[in-house]
Protein backbone atom coordinates (compact mmCIF):
# COMPACT_ATOMS: atom_id res chain seq x y z
CA MET A 1 181.97 -35.92 208.68
CA ASN A 2 185.24 -38.36 208.67
CA VAL A 3 186.47 -38.63 211.49
CA GLN A 4 190.19 -38.07 210.69
CA VAL A 5 188.43 -34.25 208.77
CA LYS A 6 186.48 -33.77 212.16
CA ILE A 7 189.95 -34.45 214.35
CA GLN A 8 191.50 -31.78 211.68
CA THR A 9 189.23 -28.65 212.14
CA GLN A 10 189.25 -29.48 216.27
CA VAL A 11 192.37 -29.18 216.21
CA THR A 12 192.17 -26.34 213.64
CA ASP A 13 190.18 -24.57 214.65
CA ASN A 14 191.14 -24.01 218.85
CA ALA A 15 193.81 -22.53 219.75
CA VAL A 16 193.99 -25.40 222.55
CA VAL A 17 192.22 -28.51 222.08
CA LEU A 18 192.56 -31.46 224.52
CA TYR A 19 191.20 -34.85 223.90
CA MET A 20 190.71 -36.67 227.43
CA LYS A 21 188.62 -39.19 229.39
CA GLY A 22 185.86 -37.65 230.85
CA THR A 23 185.66 -33.47 231.21
CA PRO A 24 187.55 -30.93 232.97
CA GLN A 25 184.98 -31.11 235.82
CA PHE A 26 184.89 -34.40 235.97
CA PRO A 27 187.82 -36.54 234.52
CA GLN A 28 187.71 -39.93 234.38
CA CYS A 29 191.51 -41.34 234.65
CA GLY A 30 194.72 -39.41 236.22
CA PHE A 31 195.99 -38.71 233.63
CA SER A 32 193.55 -36.26 232.46
CA GLY A 33 192.69 -34.83 235.55
CA ALA A 34 196.04 -34.06 236.04
CA THR A 35 196.35 -32.54 232.46
CA VAL A 36 193.28 -30.22 233.19
CA GLN A 37 195.57 -29.15 236.67
CA ILE A 38 198.61 -28.46 234.13
CA LEU A 39 196.55 -26.09 232.12
CA LYS A 40 194.71 -24.82 234.05
CA ALA A 41 198.34 -23.86 236.30
CA CYS A 42 199.21 -22.04 233.11
CA SER A 43 196.36 -20.03 233.52
CA LEU A 44 194.22 -21.53 230.85
CA GLN A 45 191.08 -21.63 231.79
CA ASP A 46 188.69 -21.57 227.84
CA PHE A 47 190.31 -24.36 225.55
CA MET A 48 188.19 -27.28 223.90
CA ALA A 49 187.70 -30.59 225.31
CA VAL A 50 187.03 -33.86 223.71
CA ASP A 51 185.43 -36.47 226.08
CA VAL A 52 187.03 -39.89 223.87
CA LEU A 53 184.49 -42.16 226.41
CA ALA A 54 181.25 -40.02 224.43
CA ASP A 55 182.80 -40.73 221.26
CA PRO A 56 183.80 -44.42 220.23
CA ASP A 57 185.14 -42.97 216.73
CA ILE A 58 186.60 -40.05 218.08
CA ARG A 59 188.77 -42.44 220.56
CA ASP A 60 190.31 -44.68 217.69
CA GLY A 61 190.47 -41.87 215.51
CA ILE A 62 192.56 -39.77 217.27
CA LYS A 63 195.17 -42.34 218.36
CA THR A 64 195.23 -43.21 214.01
CA TYR A 65 195.55 -38.65 214.05
CA SER A 66 198.24 -38.81 216.15
CA ASN A 67 200.26 -42.31 215.98
CA TRP A 68 200.06 -41.54 219.53
CA PRO A 69 198.86 -45.27 221.43
CA THR A 70 197.43 -43.05 224.71
CA VAL A 71 194.85 -40.78 225.40
CA PRO A 72 194.82 -37.20 227.09
CA GLN A 73 196.27 -35.87 223.95
CA LEU A 74 197.22 -31.86 224.07
CA TYR A 75 197.21 -30.24 220.71
CA ILE A 76 198.41 -26.18 220.70
CA LYS A 77 197.33 -24.43 217.09
CA GLY A 78 196.97 -27.44 215.07
CA GLU A 79 200.34 -29.32 216.55
CA PHE A 80 200.53 -32.09 218.44
CA VAL A 81 202.23 -31.67 221.71
CA GLY A 82 201.89 -34.88 223.79
CA GLY A 83 200.32 -37.01 226.16
CA ALA A 84 200.24 -36.43 230.15
CA ASP A 85 203.97 -37.10 230.90
CA ILE A 86 205.12 -34.63 227.88
CA VAL A 87 203.00 -32.01 229.03
CA ARG A 88 204.03 -32.27 232.60
CA GLU A 89 207.53 -31.92 231.88
CA MET A 90 207.27 -29.32 229.70
CA TYR A 91 205.37 -27.39 232.22
CA GLN A 92 208.06 -27.86 235.19
CA GLN A 93 210.45 -26.72 232.18
CA GLY A 94 208.52 -23.90 231.93
CA GLU A 95 208.00 -24.95 228.33
CA LEU A 96 204.70 -25.22 228.05
CA GLN A 97 203.61 -21.54 229.53
CA LYS A 98 205.87 -19.78 227.14
CA LEU A 99 203.92 -22.27 224.45
CA ILE A 100 200.60 -21.48 225.34
CA ASP A 101 201.29 -18.03 225.39
CA SER A 102 202.57 -17.59 221.84
CA ALA A 103 199.63 -19.28 220.64
CA LEU A 104 196.97 -17.25 222.15
CA ALA A 105 199.35 -14.24 221.98
């Protein structure tokens, strides 16, 4: 399967997808870990996490897919939300919680 098709399928078949370095249980970078903690603070325990370190094609492909140069990358309902800084800012303003609530409703 083409990597872009694989990514498209992941983000459309799952309500919340986080492309990150490592896993939610063992993040391999501070930004990925912080993003996981923010999602948990929004009472989101069940989301798809994709470890980009485990698949070089996904690691490069996600940057092309989103036209965003860094990981982590958060997708909600198929839409790119942003990286760690944007997610943190949205959380602080209460916007992330609203977006997650509407995605899971």
